[in-house]
């Protein structure tokens, strides 16, 4: 029964995070190196925002600029995560149903949710890919038992 499947069972933990004072170029590099599309932004163990690969792309310089590559790289290195992150992101708790997580992602048109404990501390991340993995596993289990 999908209603009984919790976020905790399918979330990624621990989670790769970034500081609000980190540069956008640092965030982009972390995403590329680790194959992730979003990073929770954490300050003193508290979730303060989230930054996505889309946020980074939007902050990237336009090809139409007249600045040199060195000027662009310098300016991009000065731009920090806190300037472009989404503050107060939607979150979910680990003991919630994965269906609740899927519903929030669908309703809010987002592809991932930070998972927090009752004190608001980040403990994981649940994404559309996790939901898809869970559905495929459920289907395989039904085929084996059926």
N, C-alpha and C. Protein backbone atom coordinates (compact mmCIF):
# COMPACT_ATOMS: atom_id res chain seq x y z
N UNK A 1 0.83 -1.19 0.00
CA UNK A 1 0.00 0.00 0.00
C UNK A 1 0.87 1.25 0.00
N UNK A 2 0.70 2.08 -0.99
CA UNK A 2 1.51 3.29 -1.10
C UNK A 2 1.29 4.26 0.05
N UNK A 3 0.11 4.25 0.66
CA UNK A 3 -0.17 5.17 1.76
C UNK A 3 0.77 4.92 2.94
N UNK A 4 1.26 3.69 3.06
CA UNK A 4 2.11 3.32 4.18
C UNK A 4 3.60 3.52 3.91
N UNK A 5 3.96 3.91 2.70
CA UNK A 5 5.36 4.13 2.34
C UNK A 5 5.74 5.54 2.80
N UNK A 6 6.81 5.62 3.62
CA UNK A 6 7.20 6.93 4.15
C UNK A 6 8.34 7.55 3.34
N UNK A 7 8.45 8.84 3.49
CA UNK A 7 9.53 9.59 2.86
C UNK A 7 10.88 9.04 3.34
N UNK A 8 10.96 8.72 4.62
CA UNK A 8 12.21 8.23 5.22
C UNK A 8 12.78 7.02 4.46
N UNK A 9 11.89 6.15 3.95
CA UNK A 9 12.33 4.94 3.27
C UNK A 9 13.00 5.21 1.93
N UNK A 10 12.73 6.36 1.32
CA UNK A 10 13.21 6.62 -0.04
C UNK A 10 14.04 7.88 -0.18
N UNK A 11 14.15 8.68 0.89
CA UNK A 11 14.92 9.92 0.79
C UNK A 11 16.41 9.63 0.70
N UNK A 12 17.15 10.59 0.20
CA UNK A 12 18.60 10.53 0.18
C UNK A 12 19.10 11.17 1.46
N UNK A 13 19.98 10.47 2.15
CA UNK A 13 20.55 10.99 3.38
C UNK A 13 21.90 10.32 3.60
N UNK A 14 22.93 11.04 3.99
CA UNK A 14 22.98 12.48 4.19
C UNK A 14 22.91 13.23 2.86
N UNK A 15 22.70 14.53 2.97
CA UNK A 15 22.50 15.37 1.79
C UNK A 15 23.69 16.30 1.60
N UNK A 16 24.05 16.48 0.35
CA UNK A 16 25.06 17.46 -0.01
C UNK A 16 24.43 18.84 0.16
N UNK A 17 25.07 19.74 0.91
CA UNK A 17 24.52 21.08 1.15
C UNK A 17 25.55 22.14 0.81
N UNK A 18 25.10 23.38 0.81
CA UNK A 18 26.00 24.50 0.54
C UNK A 18 25.65 25.64 1.47
N UNK A 19 26.63 26.48 1.72
CA UNK A 19 26.46 27.64 2.59
C UNK A 19 25.89 28.81 1.79
N UNK A 20 25.11 29.68 2.43
CA UNK A 20 24.57 30.85 1.72
C UNK A 20 25.66 31.80 1.23
N UNK A 21 26.84 31.75 1.85
CA UNK A 21 27.91 32.68 1.46
C UNK A 21 28.82 32.11 0.36
N UNK A 22 28.56 30.87 -0.06
CA UNK A 22 29.37 30.26 -1.13
C UNK A 22 29.07 30.96 -2.45
N UNK A 23 30.02 30.92 -3.36
CA UNK A 23 29.82 31.54 -4.67
C UNK A 23 28.94 30.65 -5.54
N UNK A 24 28.30 31.30 -6.51
CA UNK A 24 27.47 30.57 -7.47
C UNK A 24 28.33 29.59 -8.26
N UNK A 25 29.55 30.01 -8.59
CA UNK A 25 30.42 29.11 -9.35
C UNK A 25 30.77 27.87 -8.52
N UNK A 26 30.91 28.02 -7.21
CA UNK A 26 31.16 26.89 -6.32
C UNK A 26 29.94 25.96 -6.31
N UNK A 27 28.74 26.53 -6.22
CA UNK A 27 27.51 25.73 -6.24
C UNK A 27 27.41 24.95 -7.55
N UNK A 28 27.68 25.62 -8.66
CA UNK A 28 27.60 24.99 -9.97
C UNK A 28 28.59 23.82 -10.07
N UNK A 29 29.80 24.05 -9.58
CA UNK A 29 30.83 23.01 -9.61
C UNK A 29 30.40 21.80 -8.77
N UNK A 30 29.85 22.05 -7.58
CA UNK A 30 29.39 20.95 -6.71
C UNK A 30 28.29 20.15 -7.39
N UNK A 31 27.36 20.85 -8.04
CA UNK A 31 26.26 20.16 -8.72
C UNK A 31 26.79 19.28 -9.85
N UNK A 32 27.71 19.85 -10.66
CA UNK A 32 28.27 19.09 -11.77
C UNK A 32 29.04 17.87 -11.28
N UNK A 33 29.91 18.06 -10.29
CA UNK A 33 30.77 16.97 -9.81
C UNK A 33 29.96 15.85 -9.16
N UNK A 34 28.83 16.19 -8.55
CA UNK A 34 28.05 15.19 -7.82
C UNK A 34 26.79 14.75 -8.54
N UNK A 35 26.55 15.30 -9.73
CA UNK A 35 25.39 14.89 -10.52
C UNK A 35 24.06 15.20 -9.85
N UNK A 36 23.98 16.35 -9.18
CA UNK A 36 22.73 16.75 -8.53
C UNK A 36 22.20 18.03 -9.17
N UNK A 37 20.88 18.22 -9.08
CA UNK A 37 20.26 19.39 -9.70
C UNK A 37 19.79 20.42 -8.68
N UNK A 38 19.97 20.10 -7.40
CA UNK A 38 19.55 21.05 -6.36
C UNK A 38 20.42 20.85 -5.13
N UNK A 39 20.64 21.95 -4.41
CA UNK A 39 21.40 21.90 -3.17
C UNK A 39 20.63 22.65 -2.08
N UNK A 40 20.33 21.98 -0.98
CA UNK A 40 19.78 22.71 0.16
C UNK A 40 20.83 23.69 0.68
N UNK A 41 20.40 24.87 1.07
CA UNK A 41 21.31 25.88 1.60
C UNK A 41 21.16 25.86 3.12
N UNK A 42 22.28 25.60 3.80
CA UNK A 42 22.25 25.42 5.25
C UNK A 42 23.20 26.41 5.91
N UNK A 43 22.69 27.04 6.98
CA UNK A 43 23.48 27.97 7.77
C UNK A 43 23.35 27.56 9.23
N UNK A 44 24.46 27.19 9.85
CA UNK A 44 24.47 26.73 11.24
C UNK A 44 23.44 25.60 11.46
N UNK A 45 23.51 24.59 10.62
CA UNK A 45 22.63 23.41 10.72
C UNK A 45 21.16 23.70 10.46
N UNK A 46 20.82 24.87 9.98
CA UNK A 46 19.43 25.23 9.70
C UNK A 46 19.24 25.41 8.19
N UNK A 47 18.17 24.84 7.68
CA UNK A 47 17.83 25.00 6.27
C UNK A 47 17.34 26.43 6.07
N UNK A 48 18.01 27.19 5.20
CA UNK A 48 17.61 28.58 4.95
C UNK A 48 17.15 28.80 3.51
N UNK A 49 17.36 27.80 2.65
CA UNK A 49 16.95 27.95 1.27
C UNK A 49 17.31 26.74 0.44
N UNK A 50 17.09 26.89 -0.86
CA UNK A 50 17.47 25.84 -1.81
C UNK A 50 17.89 26.52 -3.10
N UNK A 51 18.89 25.96 -3.75
CA UNK A 51 19.35 26.48 -5.04
C UNK A 51 19.33 25.34 -6.04
N UNK A 52 18.82 25.63 -7.23
CA UNK A 52 18.71 24.60 -8.26
C UNK A 52 19.63 24.93 -9.43
N UNK A 53 19.84 23.96 -10.28
CA UNK A 53 20.65 24.18 -11.48
C UNK A 53 20.00 25.25 -12.35
N UNK A 54 18.67 25.32 -12.33
CA UNK A 54 17.97 26.36 -13.07
C UNK A 54 18.28 27.75 -12.54
N UNK A 55 18.36 27.88 -11.21
CA UNK A 55 18.73 29.17 -10.60
C UNK A 55 20.12 29.59 -11.06
N UNK A 56 21.03 28.62 -11.08
CA UNK A 56 22.41 28.89 -11.49
C UNK A 56 22.46 29.32 -12.95
N UNK A 57 21.71 28.61 -13.81
CA UNK A 57 21.69 28.97 -15.23
C UNK A 57 21.14 30.37 -15.45
N UNK A 58 20.07 30.72 -14.71
CA UNK A 58 19.49 32.05 -14.85
C UNK A 58 20.47 33.13 -14.41
N UNK A 59 21.32 32.83 -13.44
CA UNK A 59 22.30 33.81 -12.95
C UNK A 59 23.53 33.87 -13.83
N UNK A 60 23.67 32.91 -14.74
CA UNK A 60 24.84 32.88 -15.63
C UNK A 60 24.81 34.04 -16.60
N UNK A 61 25.98 34.51 -16.98
CA UNK A 61 26.04 35.63 -17.92
C UNK A 61 25.46 35.27 -19.29
N UNK A 62 24.88 36.24 -19.92
CA UNK A 62 24.34 36.07 -21.27
C UNK A 62 25.46 36.05 -22.30
N UNK A 63 25.24 35.32 -23.36
CA UNK A 63 26.22 35.30 -24.45
C UNK A 63 26.30 36.65 -25.16
N UNK A 64 25.30 37.50 -24.97
CA UNK A 64 25.24 38.79 -25.66
C UNK A 64 26.06 39.89 -24.97
N UNK A 65 26.69 39.57 -23.87
CA UNK A 65 27.44 40.58 -23.12
C UNK A 65 28.71 41.02 -23.85
N UNK A 66 29.16 42.23 -23.53
CA UNK A 66 30.40 42.73 -24.12
C UNK A 66 31.58 42.58 -23.16
N UNK A 67 31.33 42.01 -21.99
CA UNK A 67 32.40 41.81 -21.02
C UNK A 67 33.32 40.68 -21.48
N UNK A 68 34.58 40.77 -21.07
CA UNK A 68 35.53 39.70 -21.39
C UNK A 68 35.24 38.48 -20.52
N UNK A 69 35.78 37.34 -20.89
CA UNK A 69 35.58 36.12 -20.13
C UNK A 69 36.14 36.26 -18.72
N UNK A 70 37.24 37.02 -18.57
CA UNK A 70 37.84 37.22 -17.25
C UNK A 70 36.94 38.08 -16.37
N UNK A 71 36.37 39.12 -16.97
CA UNK A 71 35.44 39.97 -16.22
C UNK A 71 34.20 39.18 -15.81
N UNK A 72 33.70 38.37 -16.74
CA UNK A 72 32.52 37.55 -16.44
C UNK A 72 32.80 36.58 -15.30
N UNK A 73 33.93 35.89 -15.38
CA UNK A 73 34.28 34.92 -14.34
C UNK A 73 34.47 35.59 -12.99
N UNK A 74 35.06 36.79 -13.00
CA UNK A 74 35.24 37.53 -11.75
C UNK A 74 33.89 37.90 -11.15
N UNK A 75 33.01 38.45 -11.96
CA UNK A 75 31.69 38.85 -11.47
C UNK A 75 30.88 37.66 -10.98
N UNK A 76 30.96 36.55 -11.71
CA UNK A 76 30.21 35.35 -11.33
C UNK A 76 30.72 34.78 -10.01
N UNK A 77 32.05 34.87 -9.80
CA UNK A 77 32.64 34.37 -8.56
C UNK A 77 32.21 35.22 -7.36
N UNK A 78 31.83 36.48 -7.60
CA UNK A 78 31.41 37.37 -6.51
C UNK A 78 29.95 37.15 -6.11
N UNK A 79 29.16 36.57 -7.01
CA UNK A 79 27.74 36.36 -6.74
C UNK A 79 27.58 35.17 -5.79
N UNK A 80 26.87 35.38 -4.68
CA UNK A 80 26.74 34.31 -3.69
C UNK A 80 25.40 33.60 -3.79
N UNK A 81 25.37 32.41 -3.23
CA UNK A 81 24.18 31.56 -3.24
C UNK A 81 22.98 32.29 -2.64
N UNK A 82 23.19 33.01 -1.53
CA UNK A 82 22.06 33.67 -0.86
C UNK A 82 21.37 34.70 -1.73
N UNK A 83 22.06 35.19 -2.75
CA UNK A 83 21.46 36.20 -3.63
C UNK A 83 20.43 35.60 -4.59
N UNK A 84 20.58 34.31 -4.91
CA UNK A 84 19.66 33.72 -5.90
C UNK A 84 18.87 32.51 -5.38
N UNK A 85 19.15 32.09 -4.16
CA UNK A 85 18.45 30.91 -3.62
C UNK A 85 16.97 31.21 -3.38
N UNK A 86 16.17 30.17 -3.35
CA UNK A 86 14.77 30.28 -2.94
C UNK A 86 14.75 30.17 -1.43
N UNK A 87 14.27 31.22 -0.78
CA UNK A 87 14.18 31.22 0.68
C UNK A 87 12.92 30.50 1.13
N UNK A 88 12.96 29.93 2.32
CA UNK A 88 11.81 29.23 2.90
C UNK A 88 11.22 28.21 1.92
N UNK A 89 12.04 27.24 1.48
CA UNK A 89 11.53 26.25 0.52
C UNK A 89 10.47 25.36 1.17
N UNK A 90 9.62 24.78 0.34
CA UNK A 90 8.68 23.78 0.82
C UNK A 90 9.49 22.62 1.37
N UNK A 91 9.03 22.04 2.47
CA UNK A 91 9.72 20.90 3.09
C UNK A 91 8.69 19.83 3.45
N UNK A 92 9.22 18.70 3.87
CA UNK A 92 8.36 17.61 4.34
C UNK A 92 9.12 16.88 5.46
N UNK A 93 8.37 16.24 6.35
CA UNK A 93 9.00 15.45 7.41
C UNK A 93 9.14 14.00 6.97
N UNK A 94 10.12 13.32 7.55
CA UNK A 94 10.48 11.96 7.13
C UNK A 94 9.36 10.94 7.32
N UNK A 95 8.50 11.14 8.31
CA UNK A 95 7.45 10.16 8.57
C UNK A 95 6.18 10.40 7.76
N UNK A 96 6.18 11.46 6.94
CA UNK A 96 5.04 11.69 6.04
C UNK A 96 5.04 10.62 4.95
N UNK A 97 3.87 10.41 4.36
CA UNK A 97 3.73 9.47 3.25
C UNK A 97 4.46 10.02 2.02
N UNK A 98 5.03 9.11 1.26
CA UNK A 98 5.68 9.52 0.01
C UNK A 98 4.64 10.10 -0.95
N UNK A 99 3.38 9.68 -0.80
CA UNK A 99 2.31 10.26 -1.61
C UNK A 99 2.11 11.73 -1.29
N UNK A 100 2.27 12.11 0.00
CA UNK A 100 2.19 13.53 0.39
C UNK A 100 3.30 14.32 -0.29
N UNK A 101 4.50 13.74 -0.30
CA UNK A 101 5.63 14.40 -0.96
C UNK A 101 5.37 14.58 -2.44
N UNK A 102 4.87 13.53 -3.08
CA UNK A 102 4.56 13.60 -4.52
C UNK A 102 3.50 14.66 -4.79
N UNK A 103 2.49 14.74 -3.92
CA UNK A 103 1.42 15.71 -4.10
C UNK A 103 1.95 17.14 -3.99
N UNK A 104 2.81 17.40 -3.01
CA UNK A 104 3.39 18.73 -2.85
C UNK A 104 4.22 19.09 -4.09
N UNK A 105 5.05 18.15 -4.54
CA UNK A 105 5.89 18.42 -5.72
C UNK A 105 5.03 18.71 -6.94
N UNK A 106 3.96 17.96 -7.11
CA UNK A 106 3.06 18.16 -8.25
C UNK A 106 2.34 19.51 -8.13
N UNK A 107 1.77 19.78 -6.97
CA UNK A 107 1.01 21.02 -6.76
C UNK A 107 1.88 22.27 -6.89
N UNK A 108 3.09 22.20 -6.37
CA UNK A 108 3.98 23.38 -6.35
C UNK A 108 4.91 23.44 -7.55
N UNK A 109 4.82 22.42 -8.42
CA UNK A 109 5.66 22.35 -9.62
C UNK A 109 7.15 22.43 -9.29
N UNK A 110 7.54 21.59 -8.33
CA UNK A 110 8.94 21.49 -7.94
C UNK A 110 9.37 20.03 -8.05
N UNK A 111 10.66 19.80 -8.16
CA UNK A 111 11.12 18.43 -8.40
C UNK A 111 11.78 17.78 -7.20
N UNK A 112 11.85 18.50 -6.09
CA UNK A 112 12.45 17.91 -4.90
C UNK A 112 12.08 18.68 -3.65
N UNK A 113 12.13 17.97 -2.52
CA UNK A 113 11.78 18.57 -1.23
C UNK A 113 12.86 18.24 -0.19
N UNK A 114 13.35 19.25 0.52
CA UNK A 114 14.20 18.96 1.67
C UNK A 114 13.35 18.25 2.73
N UNK A 115 13.94 17.26 3.38
CA UNK A 115 13.27 16.53 4.45
C UNK A 115 13.85 17.04 5.77
N UNK A 116 12.96 17.49 6.65
CA UNK A 116 13.40 18.05 7.92
C UNK A 116 12.81 17.28 9.09
N UNK A 117 13.49 17.35 10.25
CA UNK A 117 12.92 16.74 11.45
C UNK A 117 11.97 17.74 12.10
N UNK A 118 11.40 17.37 13.24
CA UNK A 118 10.40 18.23 13.88
C UNK A 118 10.98 19.57 14.34
N UNK A 119 12.32 19.66 14.46
CA UNK A 119 12.97 20.92 14.84
C UNK A 119 13.38 21.74 13.62
N UNK A 120 13.07 21.25 12.43
CA UNK A 120 13.43 21.98 11.21
C UNK A 120 14.84 21.72 10.72
N UNK A 121 15.53 20.74 11.32
CA UNK A 121 16.89 20.42 10.89
C UNK A 121 16.83 19.52 9.65
N UNK A 122 17.65 19.81 8.67
CA UNK A 122 17.70 19.04 7.43
C UNK A 122 18.23 17.64 7.70
N UNK A 123 17.47 16.62 7.28
CA UNK A 123 17.92 15.24 7.47
C UNK A 123 17.96 14.44 6.16
N UNK A 124 17.43 15.02 5.08
CA UNK A 124 17.42 14.29 3.82
C UNK A 124 16.83 15.11 2.70
N UNK A 125 16.69 14.45 1.56
CA UNK A 125 16.12 15.08 0.38
C UNK A 125 15.31 14.02 -0.35
N UNK A 126 14.11 14.37 -0.78
CA UNK A 126 13.28 13.46 -1.58
C UNK A 126 13.01 14.14 -2.91
N UNK A 127 13.18 13.41 -4.01
CA UNK A 127 13.02 13.99 -5.34
C UNK A 127 12.03 13.17 -6.17
N UNK A 128 11.67 13.74 -7.31
CA UNK A 128 10.82 13.00 -8.26
C UNK A 128 11.45 11.66 -8.60
N UNK A 129 12.75 11.64 -8.78
CA UNK A 129 13.45 10.39 -9.13
C UNK A 129 13.27 9.34 -8.05
N UNK A 130 13.28 9.76 -6.78
CA UNK A 130 13.06 8.82 -5.68
C UNK A 130 11.65 8.23 -5.75
N UNK A 131 10.66 9.09 -6.05
CA UNK A 131 9.28 8.63 -6.18
C UNK A 131 9.16 7.64 -7.33
N UNK A 132 9.79 7.94 -8.46
CA UNK A 132 9.76 7.02 -9.60
C UNK A 132 10.42 5.69 -9.25
N UNK A 133 11.57 5.73 -8.56
CA UNK A 133 12.25 4.51 -8.14
C UNK A 133 11.33 3.65 -7.26
N UNK A 134 10.64 4.33 -6.32
CA UNK A 134 9.74 3.63 -5.42
C UNK A 134 8.60 2.96 -6.21
N UNK A 135 8.03 3.67 -7.17
CA UNK A 135 6.93 3.11 -7.96
C UNK A 135 7.38 1.88 -8.75
N UNK A 136 8.54 1.96 -9.35
CA UNK A 136 9.07 0.83 -10.12
C UNK A 136 9.32 -0.37 -9.20
N UNK A 137 9.91 -0.12 -8.01
CA UNK A 137 10.15 -1.20 -7.04
C UNK A 137 8.84 -1.85 -6.61
N UNK A 138 7.81 -1.02 -6.35
CA UNK A 138 6.50 -1.53 -5.95
C UNK A 138 5.92 -2.42 -7.05
N UNK A 139 6.04 -1.95 -8.28
CA UNK A 139 5.52 -2.70 -9.42
C UNK A 139 6.24 -4.04 -9.55
N UNK A 140 7.56 -4.03 -9.41
CA UNK A 140 8.32 -5.27 -9.48
C UNK A 140 7.93 -6.23 -8.37
N UNK A 141 7.72 -5.70 -7.17
CA UNK A 141 7.32 -6.53 -6.03
C UNK A 141 5.94 -7.16 -6.27
N UNK A 142 5.04 -6.39 -6.88
CA UNK A 142 3.69 -6.90 -7.17
C UNK A 142 3.76 -8.03 -8.21
N UNK A 143 4.64 -7.87 -9.18
CA UNK A 143 4.78 -8.90 -10.23
C UNK A 143 5.32 -10.20 -9.63
N UNK A 144 6.27 -10.08 -8.71
CA UNK A 144 6.87 -11.25 -8.09
C UNK A 144 5.87 -11.97 -7.20
N UNK A 145 5.08 -11.19 -6.44
CA UNK A 145 4.13 -11.81 -5.51
C UNK A 145 2.83 -12.22 -6.20
N UNK A 146 2.58 -11.64 -7.37
CA UNK A 146 1.31 -11.91 -8.06
C UNK A 146 1.43 -12.98 -9.04
